[in-house]
Every structure is written in structure tokens, then in C-alpha cells.
């Protein structure tokens, strides 16, 4: 099997659990902007642009650049406050640090983000949990509402970051939801699914992930893909 030279990580449920800080920040932004917390949100693998579209539809608001900028500025303010002072029981998920540190020691391996989080939200979470040094680029939920369109963005940015192009065959997407698996398949990459989010290992296997583990420091990860 071809070694994975480009590892693209999801954030929530894969690397970290914010303990509800992100969900509450979205609701607080909706309350501040529109006077209510909005619809029930399904954040498992969703993009922030997609979530915003649902919120705006709920409040019968037009989705335009100005509204997008205003909402996400409000969301980021609440997110950073929640992470710093909100009392949410956030944590780095089991095995994440160990895997990232192992990858940093492997020659020729490039690591990035492929996440539904908007860029600012991704940066805030990575800084708060001390993982930001591992990620120099990413594709984000402010690039496209459709997560399946983020893979080509990640490949382009990886090429700029690393100074070389990567093929889909040498790319591995790491995530915890069926949408992560679908995103990997859409770009022709392999998918490592981890059952640290809201989906069981059996559910992730049923989606067609190439490998499923309970936590990211399982030795099978590097044995299979490195």
C-alpha cells in the first residue's frame, strides 16, 4: 500500500472536543444577530457555511457576504470567550497528540487540516488546545458549504505549503463522521476514521472508511498508512 504523504485532519470529534463551546457560540451569535438561538444544529461533519445557511433560512434572512462576515465575527468572539472563560469541559482527544508528534518525525510527511470549521474558528481551537504548531495550512468550512468540495482546496494549499504536489493516492483524510468518509471518497483519497466522536466504529465501517480505530494512537494507524 502506498504510504500516505499528506495527512488531512478534521478537528471536532477527531482532534479535540470543545465541550459544547462551539455549539453554544453559534447559538449565541444567532441570538445576538437574530434574536433567537435558531434551529437545532447538526454539526457532525457540517461546514460552518452550511450551518449558517440553515440559520439564515430559519430566520428568513438573505445569505450574502455582509451577513456572512457579521455573523462569523460575532461567532468568533463568542467562541474565543467560551474557550478562554466559558467553563466548557473541552479536551484534546485520546491519541491525537501522540499521532501528530509521530508524524512530525517522519520525513516527507505533510500535515494539514480539512475541517468544516471556518478558518478563524479552526485557528482559535488549535491555539486553545496547543495543537496549532502542527498545522501550517488547511481547507475550511468558509471555503465551500459543501464539504465534498474541500478536498481539492486542501490539495492546492498543501502543494503551496510543501513545495510539491500531492496525489489523491498518497493523501489520507482523518475524521470521525460519515461526512469525513464521504469527503475522502469525493477527492479519491483514503480515509482513517476514529470513533472518538458521536459515531461508533461499526457505523464508520459501514460508511466505507479504509480503516477504523478507537483512538488515534492505535499502532495500526502508522503500520497501515506511514
Protein backbone atom coordinates (compact mmCIF):
# COMPACT_ATOMS: atom_id res chain seq x y z
CA UNK A 1 0.00 0.00 0.00
CA UNK A 2 1.30 3.47 -0.92
CA UNK A 3 2.42 5.42 2.14
CA UNK A 4 0.35 8.48 2.99
CA UNK A 5 2.46 11.58 2.49
CA UNK A 6 -0.35 14.09 3.08
CA UNK A 7 -2.42 13.68 6.26
CA UNK A 8 -5.52 15.91 6.45
CA UNK A 9 -7.22 16.12 9.84
CA UNK A 10 -10.75 17.02 10.85
CA UNK A 11 -10.94 18.92 14.16
CA UNK A 12 -14.08 18.38 16.25
CA UNK A 13 -14.51 14.82 17.40
CA UNK A 14 -11.19 13.85 15.83
CA UNK A 15 -8.53 16.02 17.47
CA UNK A 16 -10.50 17.87 20.15
CA UNK A 17 -13.83 18.07 21.94
CA UNK A 18 -14.71 21.67 22.87
CA UNK A 19 -17.26 20.50 25.43
CA UNK A 20 -20.04 22.44 23.71
CA UNK A 21 -18.16 25.74 23.38
CA UNK A 22 -18.55 25.77 19.60
CA UNK A 23 -22.24 24.89 19.55
CA UNK A 24 -23.01 27.49 22.17
CA UNK A 25 -21.02 30.13 20.28
CA UNK A 26 -23.14 29.53 17.16
CA UNK A 27 -26.34 29.77 19.19
CA UNK A 28 -25.16 32.92 20.95
CA UNK A 29 -24.27 34.53 17.62
CA UNK A 30 -27.75 33.71 16.30
CA UNK A 31 -29.32 35.17 19.44
CA UNK A 32 -27.26 38.34 19.12
CA UNK A 33 -27.87 38.77 15.40
CA UNK A 34 -31.43 37.50 15.04
CA UNK A 35 -32.99 37.37 18.50
CA UNK A 36 -33.17 33.58 18.93
CA UNK A 37 -30.91 30.54 19.13
CA UNK A 38 -32.18 29.26 15.79
CA UNK A 39 -32.84 25.71 14.59
CA UNK A 40 -31.45 22.54 16.07
CA UNK A 41 -27.92 22.21 14.73
CA UNK A 42 -26.29 19.05 13.41
CA UNK A 43 -22.58 19.84 13.49
CA UNK A 44 -21.26 16.33 12.82
CA UNK A 45 -19.15 16.90 9.73
CA UNK A 46 -21.04 20.01 8.66
CA UNK A 47 -19.34 23.14 7.34
CA UNK A 48 -19.78 26.49 9.06
CA UNK A 49 -21.10 27.94 5.78
CA UNK A 50 -23.67 25.17 5.64
CA UNK A 51 -24.65 25.75 9.25
CA UNK A 52 -25.02 29.48 8.60
CA UNK A 53 -27.23 28.77 5.58
CA UNK A 54 -29.57 26.78 7.82
CA UNK A 55 -29.66 29.52 10.45
CA UNK A 56 -30.38 32.23 7.89
CA UNK A 57 -33.12 30.12 6.32
CA UNK A 58 -34.68 29.61 9.75
CA UNK A 59 -34.84 33.36 10.32
CA UNK A 60 -35.81 34.08 6.68
CA UNK A 61 -32.66 36.14 6.13
CA UNK A 62 -30.75 36.55 2.87
CA UNK A 63 -27.35 34.90 2.69
CA UNK A 64 -24.88 37.49 1.43
CA UNK A 65 -21.25 38.48 2.07
CA UNK A 66 -22.08 41.20 4.60
CA UNK A 67 -24.33 38.95 6.65
CA UNK A 68 -21.73 36.20 6.50
CA UNK A 69 -18.95 38.47 7.74
CA UNK A 70 -21.09 39.92 10.53
CA UNK A 71 -22.31 36.55 11.76
CA UNK A 72 -18.91 34.88 11.76
CA UNK A 73 -17.29 37.86 13.52
CA UNK A 74 -19.91 37.51 16.23
CA UNK A 75 -19.45 33.73 16.37
CA UNK A 76 -15.67 34.02 16.72
CA UNK A 77 -16.00 36.49 19.57
CA UNK A 78 -18.27 34.10 21.45
CA UNK A 79 -16.13 31.07 20.60
CA UNK A 80 -12.92 32.63 21.88
CA UNK A 81 -14.67 33.78 25.04
CA UNK A 82 -16.16 30.33 25.62
CA UNK A 83 -12.82 28.62 25.13
CA UNK A 84 -10.99 31.03 27.41
CA UNK A 85 -13.53 31.65 30.15
CA UNK A 86 -16.74 29.77 29.47
CA UNK A 87 -16.19 26.78 31.73
CA UNK A 88 -16.75 24.21 28.97
CA UNK A 89 -15.09 20.81 29.62
CA UNK A 90 -13.00 20.75 26.46
CA UNK A 91 -10.10 18.37 25.89
CA UNK A 92 -7.68 17.02 23.34
CA UNK A 93 -8.96 13.61 22.31
CA UNK A 94 -7.07 10.40 23.09
CA UNK A 95 -4.14 9.68 20.84
CA UNK A 96 -4.23 12.96 18.91
CA UNK A 97 -1.03 14.43 20.34
CA UNK A 98 0.83 11.14 20.09
CA UNK A 99 -0.05 10.68 16.42
CA UNK A 100 0.79 14.28 15.49
CA UNK A 101 4.15 14.05 17.24
CA UNK A 102 4.90 10.75 15.48
CA UNK A 103 4.06 12.27 12.11
CA UNK A 104 6.31 15.26 12.79
CA UNK A 105 9.25 12.87 12.96
CA UNK A 106 8.52 11.13 9.66
CA UNK A 107 10.48 12.50 6.67
CA UNK A 108 8.43 13.61 3.70
CA UNK A 109 5.11 13.74 5.56
CA UNK A 110 2.94 16.88 5.40
CA UNK A 111 0.11 17.51 7.85
CA UNK A 112 -2.83 19.87 7.37
CA UNK A 113 -6.46 20.46 8.28
CA UNK A 114 -9.56 19.52 6.34
CA UNK A 115 -12.39 20.76 8.50
CA UNK A 116 -15.89 22.16 8.48
CA UNK A 117 -14.71 24.92 10.80
CA UNK A 118 -14.20 28.36 9.32
CA UNK A 119 -10.53 29.30 9.26
CA UNK A 120 -10.74 31.62 12.26
CA UNK A 121 -12.63 29.05 14.32
CA UNK A 122 -10.14 26.33 13.42
CA UNK A 123 -7.24 28.59 14.43
CA UNK A 124 -8.91 29.51 17.74
CA UNK A 125 -9.48 25.87 18.65
CA UNK A 126 -6.00 24.74 17.65
CA UNK A 127 -4.40 27.59 19.63
CA UNK A 128 -6.52 26.93 22.70
CA UNK A 129 -5.66 23.24 22.80
CA UNK A 130 -1.98 23.75 21.92
CA UNK A 131 -2.08 21.96 18.57
CA UNK A 132 -1.52 24.94 16.28
CA UNK A 133 2.19 24.27 15.73
CA UNK A 134 1.32 21.09 13.85
CA UNK A 135 -0.76 22.80 11.15
CA UNK A 136 0.54 25.29 8.64
CA UNK A 137 -2.41 25.19 6.23
CA UNK A 138 -5.89 23.80 5.76
CA UNK A 139 -9.16 23.74 3.85
CA UNK A 140 -12.04 25.17 5.83
CA UNK A 141 -15.78 25.43 6.14
CA UNK A 142 -15.64 29.01 4.89
CA UNK A 143 -14.19 27.85 1.55
CA UNK A 144 -17.31 25.90 0.49
CA UNK A 145 -20.61 24.99 2.11
CA UNK A 146 -20.29 21.50 0.60
CA UNK A 147 -17.65 19.55 2.50
CA UNK A 148 -17.05 17.32 -0.52
CA UNK A 149 -15.60 20.31 -2.38
CA UNK A 150 -12.91 20.96 0.25
CA UNK A 151 -10.55 18.18 -0.82
CA UNK A 152 -9.22 19.92 -3.96
CA UNK A 153 -8.74 23.11 -1.91
CA UNK A 154 -6.65 21.17 0.60
CA UNK A 155 -4.53 19.64 -2.18
CA UNK A 156 -3.80 23.05 -3.71
CA UNK A 157 -2.83 24.58 -0.38
CA UNK A 158 -0.74 21.55 0.55
CA UNK A 159 1.23 21.97 -2.69
CA UNK A 160 1.96 25.61 -1.87
CA UNK A 161 2.88 24.78 1.72
CA UNK A 162 5.13 21.81 0.95
CA UNK A 163 6.52 22.96 -2.38
CA UNK A 164 5.34 19.80 -4.11
CA UNK A 165 2.08 18.42 -5.42
CA UNK A 166 0.28 15.50 -3.77
CA UNK A 167 -1.87 12.93 -5.50
CA UNK A 168 -5.11 11.67 -4.03
CA UNK A 169 -3.50 8.21 -3.75
CA UNK A 170 -0.91 9.49 -1.26
CA UNK A 171 -3.46 11.52 0.71
CA UNK A 172 -5.19 10.35 3.90
CA UNK A 173 -8.24 12.07 5.40
CA UNK A 174 -8.69 11.54 9.15
CA UNK A 175 -12.11 12.16 10.66
CA UNK A 176 -14.86 10.89 12.93
CA UNK A 177 -18.07 11.20 10.88
CA UNK A 178 -19.65 9.71 7.76
CA UNK A 179 -19.21 13.12 6.11
CA UNK A 180 -15.44 12.85 6.58
CA UNK A 181 -15.52 9.47 4.86
CA UNK A 182 -17.63 10.88 2.02
CA UNK A 183 -15.24 13.83 1.65
CA UNK A 184 -12.28 11.48 1.32
CA UNK A 185 -14.08 9.41 -1.30
CA UNK A 186 -15.09 12.54 -3.23
CA UNK A 187 -11.42 13.50 -3.66
CA UNK A 188 -10.23 9.94 -4.28
CA UNK A 189 -8.26 9.75 -1.03
CA UNK A 190 -8.19 7.10 1.65
CA UNK A 191 -9.94 7.65 4.98
CA UNK A 192 -8.92 6.80 8.52
CA UNK A 193 -12.00 7.05 10.76
CA UNK A 194 -11.72 7.34 14.52
CA UNK A 195 -14.56 6.54 16.92
CA UNK A 196 -13.89 9.40 19.33
CA UNK A 197 -16.88 11.44 18.15
CA UNK A 198 -20.59 10.62 18.01
CA UNK A 199 -20.34 7.62 15.68
CA UNK A 200 -19.39 4.08 16.61
CA UNK A 201 -16.68 2.08 14.91
CA UNK A 202 -19.33 -0.11 13.28
CA UNK A 203 -21.18 2.91 11.90
CA UNK A 204 -17.95 4.28 10.44
CA UNK A 205 -17.03 0.93 8.89
CA UNK A 206 -20.45 0.81 7.26
CA UNK A 207 -19.67 4.13 5.56
CA UNK A 208 -16.67 2.63 3.81
CA UNK A 209 -13.72 4.02 5.77
CA UNK A 210 -10.45 2.33 4.80
CA UNK A 211 -9.54 1.81 8.44
CA UNK A 212 -11.40 2.46 11.70
CA UNK A 213 -9.73 2.82 15.10
CA UNK A 214 -10.99 3.61 18.58
CA UNK A 215 -8.28 6.22 19.18
CA UNK A 216 -5.56 7.82 17.09
CA UNK A 217 -2.55 6.33 18.85
CA UNK A 218 -3.54 2.81 17.84
CA UNK A 219 -0.32 1.32 16.38
CA UNK A 220 -2.28 0.08 13.36
CA UNK A 221 -2.52 3.68 12.10
CA UNK A 222 1.16 4.14 11.36
CA UNK A 223 1.60 0.48 10.44
CA UNK A 224 -1.11 0.83 7.78
CA UNK A 225 -0.55 4.30 6.35
CA UNK A 226 3.00 5.51 7.14
